[in-house]
């Protein structure tokens, strides 16, 4: 068979990398469940008209043409309509959530607290931290007609708690950058700039194209004067991790004569979020008035998260408030949520050596085989240990013990078990091949140290915060 050609944008981890990824996923799941979020899984396929309703282009969607043809042939309920619209793999977990809520509204309790960890697919150019197939971990609260603001405060604190737990294995600290689109919308209108969506899209590109680029965009797209563009850039430059940020924006608005009710409401909400965060996650949640999230469905708080020391990677977790996540024509379902790019995060943890696995295999013990005639005795020892929850494998061949020990070492298995040559269980021996210590052991009572029972993710040689 010819050597396969690698496909860019479709990450695959070696076993040790998978240990790290699984640890990250387990921490996220436990954190979400600690805060009362229920896990769901949705289908991978959605109608194209739904996938594109947020303004994405068809180039970002993987279209399933064969499934579309089969749907037409089947002629099931809605088959022709679905085929006409086309079907594609979901590229985020928001569109599936909207459909899921509408289809199951009568069986859900609102506010509906949900987390979802799944693969998504996006047809974009692969680059560092950006993939065509990747895992996302989303956490959302969806309301029925209304959704209280305090949930916009809670969600980033849930994310802060998750990353605080991940810090124990060497994940660098994060900064959760927050803003409120009502602040930017009110400020824009107060300046006389009515095309708010164009203003927000322009400001959202500040980190990519710089102040001069944003000024040019505001002039060409919105018709902003140099003074108006300068005022928006001054607003975008405000940041801080305490409520003094709100005072600075109010001082700026007063100096420029900007007045707007939406601005006042947005500042009140932002003050509430930053005040709560400064108490519960000091230094982690930072108000950054240039965070706009250019997509037009965001209506309140918006969030972006960066790894400290790895800001060039871009946001690893983003989201916000959306007042019209879904509607069935009579009821609207607002929501607020954040999405963690798990594959982007894990790729950096592994490539920078920030986190590593204690071993690549689950086995804590290799049971040696004296000779093939006595393999059954080794199998019995393995079965006894497994029955008590100890991961075990039996040596593949009855080679010399030295070779069996080297096999365990190559696999990363810390203990080798030498079965008794007689009938006495106490005559069994177990060797810690790292230290060389060998002791008598009974398969009905012996256990490895807790830290050796299962492979774990631990801080790597790259060091916390290493770029």
Protein backbone atom coordinates (compact mmCIF):
# COMPACT_ATOMS: atom_id res chain seq x y z
CA UNK A 1 0.00 0.00 0.00
CA UNK A 2 1.32 3.43 -0.94
CA UNK A 3 2.09 5.84 1.87
CA UNK A 4 -1.12 7.79 2.54
CA UNK A 5 -1.18 11.51 1.81
CA UNK A 6 -1.91 13.59 4.92
CA UNK A 7 -5.06 15.73 4.88
CA UNK A 8 -4.56 19.17 6.35
CA UNK A 9 -7.19 20.51 8.69
CA UNK A 10 -8.27 17.14 10.13
CA UNK A 11 -6.40 16.68 13.41
CA UNK A 12 -5.49 13.27 14.78
CA UNK A 13 -3.76 12.81 18.13
CA UNK A 14 -1.39 10.05 19.15
CA UNK A 15 -2.57 8.06 22.21
CA UNK A 16 -0.80 10.39 24.66
CA UNK A 17 -2.41 13.39 23.00
CA UNK A 18 -5.78 11.71 23.26
CA UNK A 19 -5.22 11.33 27.02
CA UNK A 20 -4.72 15.09 27.23
CA UNK A 21 -7.78 15.81 25.09
CA UNK A 22 -9.93 13.43 27.12
CA UNK A 23 -8.81 15.08 30.36
CA UNK A 24 -9.79 18.49 28.99
CA UNK A 25 -13.18 17.15 27.90
CA UNK A 26 -13.78 15.50 31.28
CA UNK A 27 -13.00 18.73 33.15
CA UNK A 28 -15.34 20.72 30.92
CA UNK A 29 -18.13 18.17 31.30
CA UNK A 30 -17.77 18.04 35.10
CA UNK A 31 -17.68 21.83 35.37
CA UNK A 32 -20.78 22.27 33.21
CA UNK A 33 -22.65 19.63 35.19
CA UNK A 34 -21.60 21.21 38.50
CA UNK A 35 -23.40 24.34 37.31
CA UNK A 36 -26.56 22.46 36.37
CA UNK A 37 -26.14 22.11 32.61
CA UNK A 38 -27.55 18.98 30.96
CA UNK A 39 -25.66 17.31 28.12
CA UNK A 40 -27.26 16.80 24.72
CA UNK A 41 -26.13 15.54 21.33
CA UNK A 42 -27.69 16.54 18.04
CA UNK A 43 -27.45 15.17 14.51
CA UNK A 44 -24.50 16.24 12.38
CA UNK A 45 -26.64 17.19 9.36
CA UNK A 46 -28.86 20.27 8.94
CA UNK A 47 -30.68 21.84 5.96
CA UNK A 48 -28.49 24.33 4.11
CA UNK A 49 -30.99 27.15 4.41
CA UNK A 50 -30.71 26.86 8.20
CA UNK A 51 -26.92 26.58 8.17
CA UNK A 52 -26.64 29.76 6.09
CA UNK A 53 -29.25 31.85 7.88
CA UNK A 54 -26.66 33.62 10.05
CA UNK A 55 -24.84 35.02 7.06
CA UNK A 56 -22.14 32.40 6.50
CA UNK A 57 -21.20 31.56 2.94
CA UNK A 58 -21.80 28.22 1.27
CA UNK A 59 -18.02 27.76 0.94
CA UNK A 60 -17.86 27.17 4.71
CA UNK A 61 -20.34 24.28 4.60
CA UNK A 62 -19.60 20.68 3.68
CA UNK A 63 -22.57 19.73 1.49
CA UNK A 64 -23.79 16.12 1.58
CA UNK A 65 -24.86 15.53 -2.00
CA UNK A 66 -25.35 11.76 -1.77
CA UNK A 67 -27.54 12.09 1.32
CA UNK A 68 -29.51 14.78 -0.48
CA UNK A 69 -30.14 12.43 -3.42
CA UNK A 70 -31.16 9.57 -1.13
CA UNK A 71 -33.55 11.85 0.73
CA UNK A 72 -35.24 12.69 -2.57
CA UNK A 73 -35.58 9.01 -3.50
CA UNK A 74 -36.94 8.03 -0.08
CA UNK A 75 -39.71 10.59 -0.44
CA UNK A 76 -40.27 10.69 3.32
CA UNK A 77 -41.98 13.50 5.16
CA UNK A 78 -40.31 16.70 4.09
CA UNK A 79 -37.85 14.79 1.88
CA UNK A 80 -38.41 16.83 -1.26
CA UNK A 81 -38.23 20.10 0.63
CA UNK A 82 -35.00 19.08 2.34
CA UNK A 83 -33.46 17.98 -0.93
CA UNK A 84 -34.38 21.28 -2.55
CA UNK A 85 -32.76 23.18 0.28
CA UNK A 86 -29.72 20.90 0.39
CA UNK A 87 -28.10 19.27 3.39
CA UNK A 88 -24.76 19.97 5.02
CA UNK A 89 -22.64 19.14 8.04
CA UNK A 90 -23.06 21.64 10.85
CA UNK A 91 -20.14 24.07 11.26
CA UNK A 92 -21.09 25.12 14.78
CA UNK A 93 -23.51 23.93 17.46
CA UNK A 94 -25.77 27.00 17.55
CA UNK A 95 -27.91 26.18 14.53
CA UNK A 96 -28.57 22.62 15.77
CA UNK A 97 -29.47 24.04 19.19
CA UNK A 98 -32.04 26.40 17.67
CA UNK A 99 -33.72 23.55 15.82
CA UNK A 100 -33.52 21.25 18.84
CA UNK A 101 -35.22 23.81 21.07
CA UNK A 102 -38.09 24.38 18.64
CA UNK A 103 -38.64 20.67 18.02
CA UNK A 104 -38.57 19.80 21.73
CA UNK A 105 -39.95 22.95 23.35
CA UNK A 106 -42.94 21.07 24.79
CA UNK A 107 -40.63 18.61 26.55
CA UNK A 108 -38.02 21.06 27.86
CA UNK A 109 -38.03 23.13 31.04
CA UNK A 110 -37.04 26.76 30.56
CA UNK A 111 -34.63 28.33 31.09
CA UNK A 112 -33.03 25.35 29.37
CA UNK A 113 -29.43 24.83 30.55
CA UNK A 114 -27.52 22.75 28.01
CA UNK A 115 -23.96 21.77 27.20
CA UNK A 116 -22.90 20.00 24.02
CA UNK A 117 -19.53 18.52 23.07
CA UNK A 118 -19.34 17.39 19.44
CA UNK A 119 -17.43 17.48 16.20
CA UNK A 120 -18.16 20.24 13.72
CA UNK A 121 -16.92 20.81 10.16
CA UNK A 122 -15.98 24.06 8.47
CA UNK A 123 -14.59 24.58 4.99
CA UNK A 124 -11.89 27.14 5.71
CA UNK A 125 -8.16 27.37 5.07
CA UNK A 126 -6.31 25.32 7.71
CA UNK A 127 -3.72 27.17 9.78
CA UNK A 128 -2.34 27.14 13.30
CA UNK A 129 -5.25 26.30 15.57
CA UNK A 130 -7.83 26.36 12.78
CA UNK A 131 -9.17 23.11 11.40
CA UNK A 132 -11.76 21.81 8.96
CA UNK A 133 -12.92 19.18 11.44
CA UNK A 134 -12.75 20.02 15.12
CA UNK A 135 -14.39 19.50 18.50
CA UNK A 136 -16.38 22.24 20.17
CA UNK A 137 -17.72 22.40 23.71
CA UNK A 138 -20.72 24.71 23.99
CA UNK A 139 -22.61 25.84 27.07
CA UNK A 140 -25.86 27.82 26.72
CA UNK A 141 -28.96 28.92 28.57
CA UNK A 142 -32.09 29.34 26.43
CA UNK A 143 -35.17 31.15 27.66
CA UNK A 144 -38.77 31.13 26.50
CA UNK A 145 -39.77 34.69 25.47
CA UNK A 146 -37.52 36.22 28.17
CA UNK A 147 -34.05 35.62 29.56
CA UNK A 148 -32.81 37.53 32.64
CA UNK A 149 -29.57 39.47 32.39
CA UNK A 150 -27.93 37.74 35.36
CA UNK A 151 -27.32 34.74 33.05
CA UNK A 152 -25.04 36.93 30.95
CA UNK A 153 -23.02 37.35 34.14
CA UNK A 154 -23.09 33.65 35.03
CA UNK A 155 -21.90 32.16 31.74
CA UNK A 156 -18.40 33.71 31.58
CA UNK A 157 -17.91 32.77 35.24
CA UNK A 158 -18.69 29.14 34.36
CA UNK A 159 -15.97 29.32 31.71
CA UNK A 160 -13.60 30.92 34.24
CA UNK A 161 -14.26 28.01 36.62
CA UNK A 162 -13.54 25.47 33.88
CA UNK A 163 -10.18 27.01 33.00
CA UNK A 164 -9.28 27.39 36.68
CA UNK A 165 -9.72 23.61 36.97
CA UNK A 166 -7.64 23.06 33.82
CA UNK A 167 -4.82 25.17 35.27
CA UNK A 168 -3.98 22.22 37.53
CA UNK A 169 -2.62 20.27 34.54
CA UNK A 170 -0.61 23.18 33.11
CA UNK A 171 -3.15 24.98 30.92
CA UNK A 172 -2.12 28.67 30.95
CA UNK A 173 -4.41 31.22 32.57
CA UNK A 174 -7.03 32.84 30.37
CA UNK A 175 -8.41 36.33 29.94
CA UNK A 176 -12.12 36.45 29.19
CA UNK A 177 -12.65 39.71 27.31
CA UNK A 178 -16.19 41.04 27.62
CA UNK A 179 -18.21 43.89 26.20
CA UNK A 180 -21.85 44.76 25.72
CA UNK A 181 -23.06 45.55 22.22
CA UNK A 182 -25.63 47.94 23.68
CA UNK A 183 -22.72 50.14 24.75
CA UNK A 184 -21.31 50.30 21.22
CA UNK A 185 -24.74 50.62 19.63
CA UNK A 186 -25.78 53.46 21.95
CA UNK A 187 -22.44 55.22 21.57
CA UNK A 188 -22.63 54.93 17.76
CA UNK A 189 -26.16 56.34 17.63
CA UNK A 190 -25.17 59.09 20.06
CA UNK A 191 -22.44 60.08 17.60
CA UNK A 192 -24.95 60.13 14.75
CA UNK A 193 -23.83 56.86 13.14
CA UNK A 194 -27.06 54.99 12.34
CA UNK A 195 -25.69 51.92 10.53
CA UNK A 196 -24.76 50.26 13.78
CA UNK A 197 -24.11 46.81 12.30
CA UNK A 198 -21.56 48.24 9.87
CA UNK A 199 -19.90 50.15 12.70
CA UNK A 200 -19.61 46.99 14.81
CA UNK A 201 -18.25 44.94 11.92
CA UNK A 202 -15.61 47.59 11.32
CA UNK A 203 -14.53 47.90 14.95
CA UNK A 204 -14.43 44.10 15.27
CA UNK A 205 -11.54 44.10 12.77
CA UNK A 206 -9.38 46.43 14.85
CA UNK A 207 -6.84 43.77 15.86
CA UNK A 208 -6.52 42.58 12.24
CA UNK A 209 -6.29 45.84 10.30
CA UNK A 210 -5.30 48.40 12.94
CA UNK A 211 -6.69 51.88 13.71
CA UNK A 212 -6.01 53.29 10.25
CA UNK A 213 -7.80 50.39 8.59
CA UNK A 214 -10.81 50.76 10.87
CA UNK A 215 -10.91 54.51 10.24
CA UNK A 216 -10.94 53.90 6.49
CA UNK A 217 -13.70 51.29 6.86
CA UNK A 218 -15.84 53.57 9.00
CA UNK A 219 -15.44 56.29 6.40
CA UNK A 220 -16.23 54.11 3.38
CA UNK A 221 -18.84 51.79 4.89
CA UNK A 222 -20.63 54.11 7.31
CA UNK A 223 -19.76 57.61 6.12
CA UNK A 224 -18.15 58.46 9.45
CA UNK A 225 -16.26 61.73 9.72
CA UNK A 226 -12.68 61.70 11.05
CA UNK A 227 -13.99 62.95 14.41
CA UNK A 228 -16.64 60.22 14.61
CA UNK A 229 -14.11 57.53 13.67
CA UNK A 230 -11.67 58.86 16.27
CA UNK A 231 -14.41 58.75 18.93
CA UNK A 232 -15.22 55.10 18.11
CA UNK A 233 -11.54 54.19 18.30
CA UNK A 234 -11.23 55.98 21.64
CA UNK A 235 -14.15 53.95 22.95
CA UNK A 236 -12.57 50.74 21.62
CA UNK A 237 -9.39 51.55 23.53
CA UNK A 238 -11.09 51.40 26.93
CA UNK A 239 -10.38 48.27 28.96
CA UNK A 240 -9.95 47.11 32.55
CA UNK A 241 -10.91 44.47 35.08
CA UNK A 242 -12.99 46.54 37.46
CA UNK A 243 -16.04 48.79 37.42
CA UNK A 244 -13.88 51.89 36.81
CA UNK A 245 -14.13 50.94 33.11
CA UNK A 246 -17.76 52.05 33.10
CA UNK A 247 -16.82 55.38 34.66
CA UNK A 248 -14.25 55.98 31.93
CA UNK A 249 -16.82 55.34 29.21
CA UNK A 250 -19.28 57.71 30.88
CA UNK A 251 -16.58 60.38 31.12
CA UNK A 252 -15.78 59.90 27.43
CA UNK A 253 -19.46 60.16 26.46
CA UNK A 254 -19.91 63.30 28.56
CA UNK A 255 -16.82 64.93 27.05
CA UNK A 256 -18.05 64.22 23.51
CA UNK A 257 -21.67 65.09 24.25
CA UNK A 258 -22.87 61.53 23.49
CA UNK A 259 -26.27 60.67 24.98
CA UNK A 260 -28.37 57.58 24.33
CA UNK A 261 -30.65 55.38 26.44
CA UNK A 262 -29.18 52.22 24.91
CA UNK A 263 -25.71 53.36 25.98
CA UNK A 264 -26.89 53.89 29.55
CA UNK A 265 -28.53 50.44 29.67
CA UNK A 266 -25.44 48.75 28.25
CA UNK A 267 -23.17 50.45 30.79
CA UNK A 268 -25.45 49.42 33.65
CA UNK A 269 -25.32 45.80 32.50
CA UNK A 270 -21.56 45.87 31.90
CA UNK A 271 -21.06 47.30 35.40
CA UNK A 272 -23.02 44.37 36.86
CA UNK A 273 -20.94 41.81 34.97
CA UNK A 274 -17.54 43.32 35.78
CA UNK A 275 -18.44 43.88 39.43
CA UNK A 276 -19.47 40.23 39.87
CA UNK A 277 -16.41 38.97 38.00
CA UNK A 278 -13.99 41.08 40.05
CA UNK A 279 -15.32 39.33 43.16
CA UNK A 280 -15.56 35.76 41.87
CA UNK A 281 -12.82 35.57 39.22
CA UNK A 282 -10.52 38.54 39.85
CA UNK A 283 -8.20 39.31 36.95
CA UNK A 284 -9.77 36.71 34.68
CA UNK A 285 -12.72 38.64 33.24
CA UNK A 286 -11.68 41.92 31.61
CA UNK A 287 -13.87 44.54 29.98
CA UNK A 288 -12.50 45.32 26.52
CA UNK A 289 -14.61 47.78 24.54
CA UNK A 290 -13.16 46.75 21.18
CA UNK A 291 -14.79 43.29 21.43
CA UNK A 292 -17.74 43.56 19.06
CA UNK A 293 -18.30 40.06 17.61
CA UNK A 294 -19.19 41.18 14.09
CA UNK A 295 -22.11 38.79 13.55
CA UNK A 296 -25.37 40.69 13.73
CA UNK A 297 -27.36 38.21 15.84
CA UNK A 298 -25.59 39.22 19.08
CA UNK A 299 -27.67 41.69 21.07
CA UNK A 300 -26.09 42.06 24.52
CA UNK A 301 -22.96 40.78 26.22
CA UNK A 302 -20.22 39.42 23.97
CA UNK A 303 -17.19 37.38 25.02
CA UNK A 304 -13.81 36.33 23.64
CA UNK A 305 -11.18 34.32 25.51
CA UNK A 306 -7.43 34.18 24.98
CA UNK A 307 -4.65 32.10 26.52
CA UNK A 308 -2.21 34.36 28.35
CA UNK A 309 1.12 34.15 26.55
CA UNK A 310 -0.54 32.69 23.46
CA UNK A 311 -2.68 35.59 22.33
CA UNK A 312 -1.53 35.12 18.73
CA UNK A 313 -3.60 31.94 18.67
CA UNK A 314 -6.75 34.06 18.75
CA UNK A 315 -9.89 33.43 20.72
CA UNK A 316 -10.27 29.90 22.11
CA UNK A 317 -13.72 30.55 23.53
CA UNK A 318 -16.30 33.07 22.34
CA UNK A 319 -20.01 33.80 22.33
CA UNK A 320 -22.62 36.18 23.61
CA UNK A 321 -26.28 37.01 24.10
CA UNK A 322 -28.75 36.59 21.25
CA UNK A 323 -32.37 37.64 21.68
CA UNK A 324 -33.65 35.57 18.77
CA UNK A 325 -31.85 32.24 18.86
CA UNK A 326 -34.99 30.61 17.50
CA UNK A 327 -38.66 31.28 16.91
CA UNK A 328 -41.61 29.11 16.00
CA UNK A 329 -43.67 32.07 14.79
CA UNK A 330 -45.46 32.66 18.07
CA UNK A 331 -42.70 32.28 20.66
CA UNK A 332 -39.13 33.57 20.57
CA UNK A 333 -36.34 31.78 22.40
CA UNK A 334 -33.49 34.09 23.49
CA UNK A 335 -30.20 32.62 24.65
CA UNK A 336 -26.72 33.29 25.92
CA UNK A 337 -23.76 30.98 25.53
CA UNK A 338 -20.09 30.40 24.87
CA UNK A 339 -18.25 27.92 22.69
CA UNK A 340 -14.81 26.50 23.49
CA UNK A 341 -12.66 25.47 20.55
CA UNK A 342 -11.38 22.26 22.13
CA UNK A 343 -9.24 21.19 19.16
CA UNK A 344 -7.64 24.62 18.92
CA UNK A 345 -6.84 24.56 22.64
CA UNK A 346 -5.51 20.99 22.66
CA UNK A 347 -3.37 21.55 19.56
CA UNK A 348 -1.55 24.39 21.32
CA UNK A 349 -1.21 22.46 24.60
CA UNK A 350 0.47 19.59 22.74
CA UNK A 351 2.57 21.53 20.24
CA UNK A 352 3.97 23.86 22.90
CA UNK A 353 4.56 21.05 25.40
CA UNK A 354 2.36 22.75 27.97
CA UNK A 355 0.56 19.55 28.95
CA UNK A 356 1.56 15.93 28.56
CA UNK A 357 0.29 12.50 29.55
CA UNK A 358 1.87 10.41 32.31
CA UNK A 359 1.66 7.49 29.88
CA UNK A 360 0.08 6.73 26.53
CA UNK A 361 -1.68 3.48 27.48
CA UNK A 362 -4.33 2.73 30.10
CA UNK A 363 -2.49 -0.33 31.45
CA UNK A 364 -0.99 0.12 34.91
CA UNK A 365 0.31 -3.44 35.07
CA UNK A 366 1.86 -5.90 32.62
CA UNK A 367 1.47 -9.49 33.81
CA UNK A 368 4.51 -11.44 32.70
CA UNK A 369 4.22 -14.89 31.17
CA UNK A 370 6.65 -17.54 32.42
CA UNK A 371 6.03 -19.82 29.43
CA UNK A 372 3.17 -20.43 27.04
CA UNK A 373 2.05 -23.49 28.99
CA UNK A 374 1.40 -21.31 32.05
CA UNK A 375 -0.25 -18.38 30.20
CA UNK A 376 -3.58 -19.32 31.80
CA UNK A 377 -2.10 -18.52 35.23
CA UNK A 378 -1.11 -15.05 34.00
CA UNK A 379 -4.60 -14.57 32.56
CA UNK A 380 -6.10 -15.45 35.96
CA UNK A 381 -3.96 -12.82 37.69
CA UNK A 382 -5.00 -10.24 35.11
CA UNK A 383 -8.66 -11.11 35.56
CA UNK A 384 -8.37 -10.76 39.35
CA UNK A 385 -6.74 -7.34 39.05
CA UNK A 386 -9.23 -6.13 36.43
CA UNK A 387 -12.09 -7.26 38.66
CA UNK A 388 -10.86 -4.70 41.19
CA UNK A 389 -10.66 -1.92 38.61
CA UNK A 390 -6.94 -2.09 37.83
CA UNK A 391 -6.12 -1.75 34.08
CA UNK A 392 -3.97 -4.71 33.07
CA UNK A 393 -2.59 -6.41 30.01
CA UNK A 394 -0.79 -9.72 29.68
CA UNK A 395 2.59 -9.94 27.95
CA UNK A 396 2.19 -10.85 24.26
CA UNK A 397 4.99 -13.46 24.31
CA UNK A 398 6.74 -15.60 26.90
CA UNK A 399 10.11 -13.97 26.24
CA UNK A 400 12.85 -13.62 28.83
CA UNK A 401 11.71 -11.43 31.73
CA UNK A 402 14.20 -8.75 30.73
CA UNK A 403 12.54 -8.43 27.33
CA UNK A 404 9.09 -8.37 28.93
CA UNK A 405 10.23 -5.56 31.23
CA UNK A 406 11.60 -3.62 28.25
CA UNK A 407 8.27 -4.12 26.47
CA UNK A 408 6.46 -2.62 29.49
CA UNK A 409 8.91 0.27 29.53
CA UNK A 410 8.32 1.03 25.84
CA UNK A 411 4.58 0.97 26.46
CA UNK A 412 4.95 3.23 29.49
CA UNK A 413 3.46 0.61 31.85
CA UNK A 414 4.84 1.29 35.35
CA UNK A 415 4.46 -2.17 36.96
CA UNK A 416 5.33 -5.71 35.89
CA UNK A 417 3.71 -8.63 37.70
CA UNK A 418 5.56 -11.95 38.00
CA UNK A 419 3.12 -14.79 38.70
CA UNK A 420 3.83 -17.34 41.39
CA UNK A 421 5.54 -20.48 40.26
CA UNK A 422 3.61 -22.40 42.92
CA UNK A 423 0.16 -22.23 44.49
CA UNK A 424 0.79 -19.58 47.14
CA UNK A 425 -0.64 -16.18 46.21
CA UNK A 426 1.92 -14.45 48.44
CA UNK A 427 4.69 -15.77 46.22
CA UNK A 428 3.65 -13.38 43.46
CA UNK A 429 6.04 -10.48 42.85
CA UNK A 430 5.39 -7.01 41.41
CA UNK A 431 8.12 -4.68 40.18
CA UNK A 432 8.02 -0.90 39.78
CA UNK A 433 10.23 -0.69 36.72
CA UNK A 434 10.90 3.03 37.28
CA UNK A 435 12.51 2.61 40.70
CA UNK A 436 13.50 -1.04 40.43
CA UNK A 437 11.70 -1.87 43.68
CA UNK A 438 10.22 -5.39 43.70
CA UNK A 439 7.95 -6.72 46.45
CA UNK A 440 5.71 -9.66 47.16
CA UNK A 441 2.06 -9.04 46.26
CA UNK A 442 -1.33 -10.67 46.45
CA UNK A 443 -3.59 -10.18 43.38
CA UNK A 444 -6.65 -10.02 45.67
CA UNK A 445 -5.36 -7.07 47.73
CA UNK A 446 -2.51 -5.25 45.93
CA UNK A 447 -3.21 -1.90 44.28
CA UNK A 448 -0.93 0.55 42.51
CA UNK A 449 -0.65 4.06 43.96
CA UNK A 450 -3.64 6.23 43.02
CA UNK A 451 -1.53 8.41 40.75
CA UNK A 452 -0.50 5.36 38.72
CA UNK A 453 -3.91 3.73 38.38
CA UNK A 454 -4.85 5.60 35.20
CA UNK A 455 -2.91 7.80 32.75
CA UNK A 456 -3.23 11.48 33.62
CA UNK A 457 -2.62 14.84 32.01
CA UNK A 458 0.10 16.78 33.86
CA UNK A 459 2.11 19.98 33.28
CA UNK A 460 4.61 19.50 30.46
CA UNK A 461 8.15 20.69 29.96
CA UNK A 462 6.86 23.70 28.03
CA UNK A 463 5.73 25.20 31.33
CA UNK A 464 2.59 27.11 32.16
CA UNK A 465 2.31 30.24 30.07
CA UNK A 466 5.19 29.38 27.76
CA UNK A 467 4.72 30.89 24.32
